[in-house]
């Protein structure tokens, strides 16, 4: 599975599809066992998988992928069960809301949903807007609009299909933008504080593993990873950023200095 995750992190959209199909049903069954109706479980599972794929793309490396995805789904299902407008509780139930990176992802997903909604009829758009934006279950939407539940199912399923298409195009766009990125330069790394500079140097310029770098720097591995994450945030990049130019400059300087 690590190989598939690495392929997705490198931009292979087929790997994302493989991860989705492998774990979607596990996540859905988990939510059903927690007492959710099957159609609500499908919605939570889809949202959890999208969040999980975005997290993996951004460099998250969960030790146990299944448990990590189930944790995301559990937070999402709990958030759906909270009273409308109780934002304080939602902040606690969904820690991802407090992350700037996660908020950016949510904005992107909202934009994707907007584009999918534009292709729908006004009647379909109203149903999906109540379901996704207002957070109502499909049954609650049917009750509010006095429609058969089957009609709500059909319209939400159409929205799912359009959202999947938009998501596929989104993944392709993200991959292309990363390929075209200018990358990180040596001067960017030198501008970091020493504690952050040395972890980037060890990880990306010297090519050490986390364990090797922690040993060399005499740091607990958890501390090393925390500093590395902070360095990424300062550099405004992720672990998959292009460090090749910085590495070339670093090695050239070492050669010029004789070691």
C-alpha atoms as a PDB file:
ATOM      1  CA  UNK A   1       0.000   0.000   0.000  1.00  0.00           C
ATOM      2  CA  UNK A   2       2.935   2.370   0.642  1.00  0.00           C
ATOM      3  CA  UNK A   3       3.822   2.092  -3.040  1.00  0.00           C
ATOM      4  CA  UNK A   4       0.306   3.126  -4.095  1.00  0.00           C
ATOM      5  CA  UNK A   5       0.345   6.070  -1.676  1.00  0.00           C
ATOM      6  CA  UNK A   6       3.738   7.140  -3.041  1.00  0.00           C
ATOM      7  CA  UNK A   7       2.367   6.968  -6.590  1.00  0.00           C
ATOM      8  CA  UNK A   8      -0.592   9.149  -5.616  1.00  0.00           C
ATOM      9  CA  UNK A   9       1.679  11.620  -3.795  1.00  0.00           C
ATOM     10  CA  UNK A  10       3.719  11.803  -7.001  1.00  0.00           C
ATOM     11  CA  UNK A  11       0.591  12.658  -8.985  1.00  0.00           C
ATOM     12  CA  UNK A  12      -0.665   9.323 -10.333  1.00  0.00           C
ATOM     13  CA  UNK A  13      -4.450   9.776 -10.511  1.00  0.00           C
ATOM     14  CA  UNK A  14      -4.903   6.023 -11.088  1.00  0.00           C
ATOM     15  CA  UNK A  15      -3.380   5.419  -7.650  1.00  0.00           C
ATOM     16  CA  UNK A  16      -5.994   7.722  -6.108  1.00  0.00           C
ATOM     17  CA  UNK A  17      -8.741   5.722  -7.774  1.00  0.00           C
ATOM     18  CA  UNK A  18      -7.202   2.484  -6.462  1.00  0.00           C
ATOM     19  CA  UNK A  19      -7.037   3.852  -2.910  1.00  0.00           C
ATOM     20  CA  UNK A  20     -10.606   5.087  -3.155  1.00  0.00           C
ATOM     21  CA  UNK A  21     -12.022   1.780  -4.363  1.00  0.00           C
ATOM     22  CA  UNK A  22      -9.968  -0.206  -1.819  1.00  0.00           C
ATOM     23  CA  UNK A  23     -11.054   1.724   1.268  1.00  0.00           C
ATOM     24  CA  UNK A  24     -14.408   3.306   0.440  1.00  0.00           C
ATOM     25  CA  UNK A  25     -16.519   0.254   1.341  1.00  0.00           C
ATOM     26  CA  UNK A  26     -14.581  -0.348   4.570  1.00  0.00           C
ATOM     27  CA  UNK A  27     -15.252   3.222   5.652  1.00  0.00           C
ATOM     28  CA  UNK A  28     -18.921   3.009   4.661  1.00  0.00           C
ATOM     29  CA  UNK A  29     -19.452  -0.235   6.601  1.00  0.00           C
ATOM     30  CA  UNK A  30     -17.769   1.317   9.634  1.00  0.00           C
ATOM     31  CA  UNK A  31     -20.207   4.262   9.585  1.00  0.00           C
ATOM     32  CA  UNK A  32     -23.191   1.936   9.105  1.00  0.00           C
ATOM     33  CA  UNK A  33     -22.107  -0.043  12.181  1.00  0.00           C
ATOM     34  CA  UNK A  34     -22.124   3.232  14.108  1.00  0.00           C
ATOM     35  CA  UNK A  35     -25.845   3.454  13.403  1.00  0.00           C
ATOM     36  CA  UNK A  36     -25.983   5.619  10.269  1.00  0.00           C
ATOM     37  CA  UNK A  37     -28.487   5.013   7.494  1.00  0.00           C
ATOM     38  CA  UNK A  38     -26.825   3.491   4.438  1.00  0.00           C
ATOM     39  CA  UNK A  39     -27.259   6.573   2.243  1.00  0.00           C
ATOM     40  CA  UNK A  40     -25.827   8.862   4.945  1.00  0.00           C
ATOM     41  CA  UNK A  41     -22.959   6.412   5.425  1.00  0.00           C
ATOM     42  CA  UNK A  42     -22.217   6.639   1.700  1.00  0.00           C
ATOM     43  CA  UNK A  43     -22.026  10.427   1.938  1.00  0.00           C
ATOM     44  CA  UNK A  44     -19.748  10.357   4.991  1.00  0.00           C
ATOM     45  CA  UNK A  45     -17.531   7.703   3.399  1.00  0.00           C
ATOM     46  CA  UNK A  46     -17.139   9.744   0.230  1.00  0.00           C
ATOM     47  CA  UNK A  47     -16.292  12.906   2.147  1.00  0.00           C
ATOM     48  CA  UNK A  48     -13.833  10.995   4.358  1.00  0.00           C
ATOM     49  CA  UNK A  49     -12.101   9.455   1.354  1.00  0.00           C
ATOM     50  CA  UNK A  50     -11.770  12.836  -0.358  1.00  0.00           C
ATOM     51  CA  UNK A  51     -10.297  14.332   2.817  1.00  0.00           C
ATOM     52  CA  UNK A  52      -7.992  11.341   3.186  1.00  0.00           C
ATOM     53  CA  UNK A  53      -6.752  11.540  -0.398  1.00  0.00           C
ATOM     54  CA  UNK A  54      -6.068  15.252  -0.012  1.00  0.00           C
ATOM     55  CA  UNK A  55      -4.190  14.562   3.230  1.00  0.00           C
ATOM     56  CA  UNK A  56      -2.021  11.894   1.593  1.00  0.00           C
ATOM     57  CA  UNK A  57      -1.359  14.218  -1.343  1.00  0.00           C
ATOM     58  CA  UNK A  58      -0.232  16.913   1.099  1.00  0.00           C
ATOM     59  CA  UNK A  59       2.299  14.533   2.668  1.00  0.00           C
ATOM     60  CA  UNK A  60       0.473  12.879   5.562  1.00  0.00           C
ATOM     61  CA  UNK A  61       1.964   9.458   6.359  1.00  0.00           C
ATOM     62  CA  UNK A  62      -0.375   7.646   8.744  1.00  0.00           C
ATOM     63  CA  UNK A  63       1.081   4.544  10.363  1.00  0.00           C
ATOM     64  CA  UNK A  64      -2.213   2.658   9.955  1.00  0.00           C
ATOM     65  CA  UNK A  65      -4.078   3.939   6.929  1.00  0.00           C
ATOM     66  CA  UNK A  66      -7.348   2.138   7.643  1.00  0.00           C
ATOM     67  CA  UNK A  67      -7.570   3.426  11.220  1.00  0.00           C
ATOM     68  CA  UNK A  68      -6.666   6.944  10.055  1.00  0.00           C
ATOM     69  CA  UNK A  69      -9.433   6.953   7.445  1.00  0.00           C
ATOM     70  CA  UNK A  70     -11.934   5.559   9.954  1.00  0.00           C
ATOM     71  CA  UNK A  71     -10.939   8.335  12.355  1.00  0.00           C
ATOM     72  CA  UNK A  72     -11.678  10.954   9.697  1.00  0.00           C
ATOM     73  CA  UNK A  73     -15.037   9.311   9.016  1.00  0.00           C
ATOM     74  CA  UNK A  74     -15.849   9.188  12.731  1.00  0.00           C
ATOM     75  CA  UNK A  75     -15.180  12.932  13.084  1.00  0.00           C
ATOM     76  CA  UNK A  76     -17.298  13.687  10.036  1.00  0.00           C
ATOM     77  CA  UNK A  77     -20.207  11.557  11.214  1.00  0.00           C
ATOM     78  CA  UNK A  78     -20.077  13.145  14.675  1.00  0.00           C
ATOM     79  CA  UNK A  79     -19.989  16.629  13.124  1.00  0.00           C
ATOM     80  CA  UNK A  80     -23.108  15.802  11.085  1.00  0.00           C
ATOM     81  CA  UNK A  81     -24.940  14.811  14.272  1.00  0.00           C
ATOM     82  CA  UNK A  82     -24.290  18.146  16.024  1.00  0.00           C
ATOM     83  CA  UNK A  83     -27.041  20.764  16.267  1.00  0.00           C
ATOM     84  CA  UNK A  84     -27.075  23.245  13.385  1.00  0.00           C
ATOM     85  CA  UNK A  85     -25.078  26.379  14.098  1.00  0.00           C
ATOM     86  CA  UNK A  86     -23.132  24.896  17.030  1.00  0.00           C
ATOM     87  CA  UNK A  87     -19.785  25.943  15.598  1.00  0.00           C
ATOM     88  CA  UNK A  88     -17.899  25.732  18.894  1.00  0.00           C
ATOM     89  CA  UNK A  89     -18.704  22.045  19.184  1.00  0.00           C
ATOM     90  CA  UNK A  90     -17.881  21.522  15.517  1.00  0.00           C
ATOM     91  CA  UNK A  91     -14.409  22.951  16.107  1.00  0.00           C
ATOM     92  CA  UNK A  92     -13.855  20.306  18.794  1.00  0.00           C
ATOM     93  CA  UNK A  93     -15.403  17.471  16.823  1.00  0.00           C
ATOM     94  CA  UNK A  94     -13.464  18.255  13.656  1.00  0.00           C
ATOM     95  CA  UNK A  95      -9.870  19.351  14.441  1.00  0.00           C
ATOM     96  CA  UNK A  96      -9.138  19.651  10.730  1.00  0.00           C
ATOM     97  CA  UNK A  97     -11.228  22.828  10.708  1.00  0.00           C
ATOM     98  CA  UNK A  98      -8.494  24.520  12.748  1.00  0.00           C
ATOM     99  CA  UNK A  99      -5.804  23.844  10.129  1.00  0.00           C
ATOM    100  CA  UNK A 100      -5.133  26.518   7.502  1.00  0.00           C
ATOM    101  CA  UNK A 101      -4.184  23.808   5.026  1.00  0.00           C
ATOM    102  CA  UNK A 102      -7.402  21.916   5.659  1.00  0.00           C
ATOM    103  CA  UNK A 103      -9.444  25.084   5.296  1.00  0.00           C
ATOM    104  CA  UNK A 104      -7.814  25.651   1.901  1.00  0.00           C
ATOM    105  CA  UNK A 105      -8.733  22.104   0.907  1.00  0.00           C
ATOM    106  CA  UNK A 106     -12.325  22.696   2.034  1.00  0.00           C
ATOM    107  CA  UNK A 107     -12.463  25.861  -0.093  1.00  0.00           C
ATOM    108  CA  UNK A 108     -11.200  23.896  -3.099  1.00  0.00           C
ATOM    109  CA  UNK A 109     -13.789  21.178  -2.536  1.00  0.00           C
ATOM    110  CA  UNK A 110     -16.528  23.790  -2.201  1.00  0.00           C
ATOM    111  CA  UNK A 111     -15.417  25.279  -5.509  1.00  0.00           C
ATOM    112  CA  UNK A 112     -15.580  21.835  -7.108  1.00  0.00           C
ATOM    113  CA  UNK A 113     -19.078  21.361  -5.734  1.00  0.00           C
ATOM    114  CA  UNK A 114     -20.107  24.768  -7.112  1.00  0.00           C
ATOM    115  CA  UNK A 115     -18.966  23.761 -10.592  1.00  0.00           C
ATOM    116  CA  UNK A 116     -20.823  20.460 -10.322  1.00  0.00           C
ATOM    117  CA  UNK A 117     -23.971  22.275  -9.165  1.00  0.00           C
ATOM    118  CA  UNK A 118     -23.833  24.663 -12.130  1.00  0.00           C
ATOM    119  CA  UNK A 119     -24.564  21.737 -14.441  1.00  0.00           C
ATOM    120  CA  UNK A 120     -27.680  20.693 -12.532  1.00  0.00           C
ATOM    121  CA  UNK A 121     -31.272  21.795 -12.853  1.00  0.00           C
ATOM    122  CA  UNK A 122     -32.517  24.302 -10.226  1.00  0.00           C
ATOM    123  CA  UNK A 123     -34.594  21.570  -8.554  1.00  0.00           C
ATOM    124  CA  UNK A 124     -31.625  19.212  -8.278  1.00  0.00           C
ATOM    125  CA  UNK A 125     -29.389  22.056  -7.125  1.00  0.00           C
ATOM    126  CA  UNK A 126     -31.767  22.932  -4.293  1.00  0.00           C
ATOM    127  CA  UNK A 127     -31.726  19.368  -2.979  1.00  0.00           C
ATOM    128  CA  UNK A 128     -27.963  18.998  -3.143  1.00  0.00           C
ATOM    129  CA  UNK A 129     -27.416  22.423  -1.599  1.00  0.00           C
ATOM    130  CA  UNK A 130     -29.539  21.441   1.413  1.00  0.00           C
ATOM    131  CA  UNK A 131     -27.730  18.124   1.684  1.00  0.00           C
ATOM    132  CA  UNK A 132     -24.123  19.308   1.327  1.00  0.00           C
ATOM    133  CA  UNK A 133     -24.251  22.889   2.535  1.00  0.00           C
ATOM    134  CA  UNK A 134     -26.907  22.743   5.241  1.00  0.00           C
ATOM    135  CA  UNK A 135     -25.762  19.277   6.323  1.00  0.00           C
ATOM    136  CA  UNK A 136     -29.244  17.729   6.226  1.00  0.00           C
ATOM    137  CA  UNK A 137     -29.595  13.988   5.773  1.00  0.00           C
ATOM    138  CA  UNK A 138     -31.338  12.784   2.632  1.00  0.00           C
ATOM    139  CA  UNK A 139     -34.420  11.922   4.685  1.00  0.00           C
ATOM    140  CA  UNK A 140     -34.472  15.424   6.212  1.00  0.00           C
ATOM    141  CA  UNK A 141     -34.214  16.926   2.714  1.00  0.00           C
ATOM    142  CA  UNK A 142     -37.105  14.777   1.527  1.00  0.00           C
ATOM    143  CA  UNK A 143     -39.214  15.815   4.535  1.00  0.00           C
ATOM    144  CA  UNK A 144     -38.436  19.514   4.139  1.00  0.00           C
ATOM    145  CA  UNK A 145     -39.263  19.573   0.418  1.00  0.00           C
ATOM    146  CA  UNK A 146     -42.105  17.062   0.696  1.00  0.00           C
ATOM    147  CA  UNK A 147     -40.520  14.793  -1.902  1.00  0.00           C
ATOM    148  CA  UNK A 148     -40.246  10.999  -2.150  1.00  0.00           C
ATOM    149  CA  UNK A 149     -36.969   9.800  -0.686  1.00  0.00           C
ATOM    150  CA  UNK A 150     -36.284   8.002  -3.982  1.00  0.00           C
ATOM    151  CA  UNK A 151     -36.214  11.342  -5.807  1.00  0.00           C
ATOM    152  CA  UNK A 152     -33.697  12.725  -3.332  1.00  0.00           C
ATOM    153  CA  UNK A 153     -31.537   9.599  -3.714  1.00  0.00           C
ATOM    154  CA  UNK A 154     -31.536   9.940  -7.495  1.00  0.00           C
ATOM    155  CA  UNK A 155     -30.595  13.613  -7.477  1.00  0.00           C
ATOM    156  CA  UNK A 156     -27.859  13.188  -4.884  1.00  0.00           C
ATOM    157  CA  UNK A 157     -26.443  10.243  -6.823  1.00  0.00           C
ATOM    158  CA  UNK A 158     -26.283  12.388  -9.961  1.00  0.00           C
ATOM    159  CA  UNK A 159     -24.428  15.032  -7.952  1.00  0.00           C
ATOM    160  CA  UNK A 160     -21.970  12.392  -6.717  1.00  0.00           C
ATOM    161  CA  UNK A 161     -21.214  11.424 -10.307  1.00  0.00           C
ATOM    162  CA  UNK A 162     -20.604  15.010 -11.364  1.00  0.00           C
ATOM    163  CA  UNK A 163     -18.490  15.678  -8.288  1.00  0.00           C
ATOM    164  CA  UNK A 164     -16.324  12.630  -9.044  1.00  0.00           C
ATOM    165  CA  UNK A 165     -15.729  13.963 -12.559  1.00  0.00           C
ATOM    166  CA  UNK A 166     -14.798  17.384 -11.192  1.00  0.00           C
ATOM    167  CA  UNK A 167     -12.520  15.750  -8.624  1.00  0.00           C
ATOM    168  CA  UNK A 168     -10.691  13.801 -11.328  1.00  0.00           C
ATOM    169  CA  UNK A 169     -10.045  17.025 -13.257  1.00  0.00           C
ATOM    170  CA  UNK A 170      -8.935  18.692 -10.004  1.00  0.00           C
ATOM    171  CA  UNK A 171      -6.349  15.974  -9.307  1.00  0.00           C
ATOM    172  CA  UNK A 172      -4.962  16.354 -12.827  1.00  0.00           C
ATOM    173  CA  UNK A 173      -4.697  20.146 -12.426  1.00  0.00           C
ATOM    174  CA  UNK A 174      -2.923  19.814  -9.069  1.00  0.00           C
ATOM    175  CA  UNK A 175      -0.444  17.360 -10.569  1.00  0.00           C
ATOM    176  CA  UNK A 176       0.366  19.674 -13.481  1.00  0.00           C
ATOM    177  CA  UNK A 177       0.826  22.682 -11.200  1.00  0.00           C
ATOM    178  CA  UNK A 178       3.292  20.728  -9.071  1.00  0.00           C
ATOM    179  CA  UNK A 179       5.265  19.615 -12.105  1.00  0.00           C
ATOM    180  CA  UNK A 180       5.537  23.231 -13.227  1.00  0.00           C
ATOM    181  CA  UNK A 181       6.610  24.451  -9.755  1.00  0.00           C
ATOM    182  CA  UNK A 182       9.902  26.365  -9.586  1.00  0.00           C
ATOM    183  CA  UNK A 183      11.022  24.268  -6.629  1.00  0.00           C
ATOM    184  CA  UNK A 184      12.958  25.116  -3.474  1.00  0.00           C
ATOM    185  CA  UNK A 185      16.304  26.886  -3.750  1.00  0.00           C
ATOM    186  CA  UNK A 186      19.302  26.687  -1.411  1.00  0.00           C
ATOM    187  CA  UNK A 187      18.857  30.314  -0.407  1.00  0.00           C
ATOM    188  CA  UNK A 188      15.327  29.503   0.755  1.00  0.00           C
ATOM    189  CA  UNK A 189      16.699  26.832   3.076  1.00  0.00           C
ATOM    190  CA  UNK A 190      19.492  29.082   4.369  1.00  0.00           C
ATOM    191  CA  UNK A 191      16.906  31.684   5.358  1.00  0.00           C
ATOM    192  CA  UNK A 192      15.428  29.225   7.865  1.00  0.00           C
ATOM    193  CA  UNK A 193      16.276  29.208  11.560  1.00  0.00           C
ATOM    194  CA  UNK A 194      19.101  26.716  12.318  1.00  0.00           C
ATOM    195  CA  UNK A 195      16.769  24.183  13.969  1.00  0.00           C
ATOM    196  CA  UNK A 196      14.596  24.042  10.846  1.00  0.00           C
ATOM    197  CA  UNK A 197      17.456  24.381   8.383  1.00  0.00           C
ATOM    198  CA  UNK A 198      19.289  21.341   9.703  1.00  0.00           C
ATOM    199  CA  UNK A 199      16.279  19.006   9.401  1.00  0.00           C
ATOM    200  CA  UNK A 200      15.645  20.074   5.781  1.00  0.00           C
ATOM    201  CA  UNK A 201      19.342  19.683   5.051  1.00  0.00           C
ATOM    202  CA  UNK A 202      19.410  16.160   6.458  1.00  0.00           C
ATOM    203  CA  UNK A 203      16.156  15.016   4.870  1.00  0.00           C
ATOM    204  CA  UNK A 204      16.237  16.572   1.412  1.00  0.00           C
ATOM    205  CA  UNK A 205      19.828  17.544   0.642  1.00  0.00           C
ATOM    206  CA  UNK A 206      21.700  14.692   2.309  1.00  0.00           C
ATOM    207  CA  UNK A 207      18.966  12.153   1.544  1.00  0.00           C
ATOM    208  CA  UNK A 208      18.758  10.624   5.020  1.00  0.00           C
ATOM    209  CA  UNK A 209      15.747   8.720   6.284  1.00  0.00           C
ATOM    210  CA  UNK A 210      13.862  10.087   9.285  1.00  0.00           C
ATOM    211  CA  UNK A 211      15.556   7.551  11.564  1.00  0.00           C
ATOM    212  CA  UNK A 212      19.036   8.267  10.174  1.00  0.00           C
ATOM    213  CA  UNK A 213      18.553  12.030  10.364  1.00  0.00           C
ATOM    214  CA  UNK A 214      17.212  11.840  13.937  1.00  0.00           C
ATOM    215  CA  UNK A 215      20.240   9.815  14.989  1.00  0.00           C
ATOM    216  CA  UNK A 216      22.703  12.160  13.324  1.00  0.00           C
ATOM    217  CA  UNK A 217      21.050  15.260  14.794  1.00  0.00           C
ATOM    218  CA  UNK A 218      20.584  13.551  18.174  1.00  0.00           C
ATOM    219  CA  UNK A 219      16.870  14.296  18.197  1.00  0.00           C
ATOM    220  CA  UNK A 220      13.888  12.110  19.075  1.00  0.00           C
ATOM    221  CA  UNK A 221      12.277  11.055  15.818  1.00  0.00           C
ATOM    222  CA  UNK A 222       9.001  12.720  16.799  1.00  0.00           C
ATOM    223  CA  UNK A 223      10.823  16.015  17.379  1.00  0.00           C
ATOM    224  CA  UNK A 224      12.602  15.678  14.041  1.00  0.00           C
ATOM    225  CA  UNK A 225       9.296  15.175  12.228  1.00  0.00           C
ATOM    226  CA  UNK A 226       7.646  18.073  14.054  1.00  0.00           C
ATOM    227  CA  UNK A 227      10.483  20.419  13.085  1.00  0.00           C
ATOM    228  CA  UNK A 228      10.362  19.129   9.530  1.00  0.00           C
ATOM    229  CA  UNK A 229       6.646  19.889   9.328  1.00  0.00           C
ATOM    230  CA  UNK A 230       7.247  23.398  10.677  1.00  0.00           C
ATOM    231  CA  UNK A 231       9.992  23.923   8.095  1.00  0.00           C
ATOM    232  CA  UNK A 232       7.608  22.878   5.315  1.00  0.00           C
ATOM    233  CA  UNK A 233       5.057  25.408   6.551  1.00  0.00           C
ATOM    234  CA  UNK A 234       7.663  28.204   6.590  1.00  0.00           C
ATOM    235  CA  UNK A 235       8.817  27.243   3.081  1.00  0.00           C
ATOM    236  CA  UNK A 236       5.149  26.988   2.028  1.00  0.00           C
ATOM    237  CA  UNK A 237       5.689  23.546   0.536  1.00  0.00           C
ATOM    238  CA  UNK A 238       5.042  19.896   1.326  1.00  0.00           C
ATOM    239  CA  UNK A 239       7.284  16.785   1.471  1.00  0.00           C
ATOM    240  CA  UNK A 240       6.808  16.216  -2.271  1.00  0.00           C
ATOM    241  CA  UNK A 241       8.174  19.665  -3.197  1.00  0.00           C
ATOM    242  CA  UNK A 242      11.037  19.846  -5.683  1.00  0.00           C
ATOM    243  CA  UNK A 243      14.309  20.144  -3.751  1.00  0.00           C
ATOM    244  CA  UNK A 244      16.482  19.115  -6.724  1.00  0.00           C
ATOM    245  CA  UNK A 245      17.850  22.610  -7.437  1.00  0.00           C
ATOM    246  CA  UNK A 246      18.757  23.158  -3.798  1.00  0.00           C
ATOM    247  CA  UNK A 247      20.416  19.727  -3.716  1.00  0.00           C
ATOM    248  CA  UNK A 248      22.470  20.494  -6.826  1.00  0.00           C
ATOM    249  CA  UNK A 249      23.637  23.811  -5.341  1.00  0.00           C
ATOM    250  CA  UNK A 250      24.462  22.139  -2.038  1.00  0.00           C
ATOM    251  CA  UNK A 251      26.484  19.332  -3.621  1.00  0.00           C
ATOM    252  CA  UNK A 252      28.296  21.766  -5.930  1.00  0.00           C
ATOM    253  CA  UNK A 253      29.340  23.892  -2.954  1.00  0.00           C
ATOM    254  CA  UNK A 254      30.540  20.813  -1.087  1.00  0.00           C
ATOM    255  CA  UNK A 255      32.621  19.770  -4.089  1.00  0.00           C
ATOM    256  CA  UNK A 256      34.094  23.251  -4.464  1.00  0.00           C
ATOM    257  CA  UNK A 257      35.043  23.332  -0.790  1.00  0.00           C
ATOM    258  CA  UNK A 258      36.665  19.918  -1.028  1.00  0.00           C
ATOM    259  CA  UNK A 259      34.250  17.943   1.021  1.00  0.00           C
END
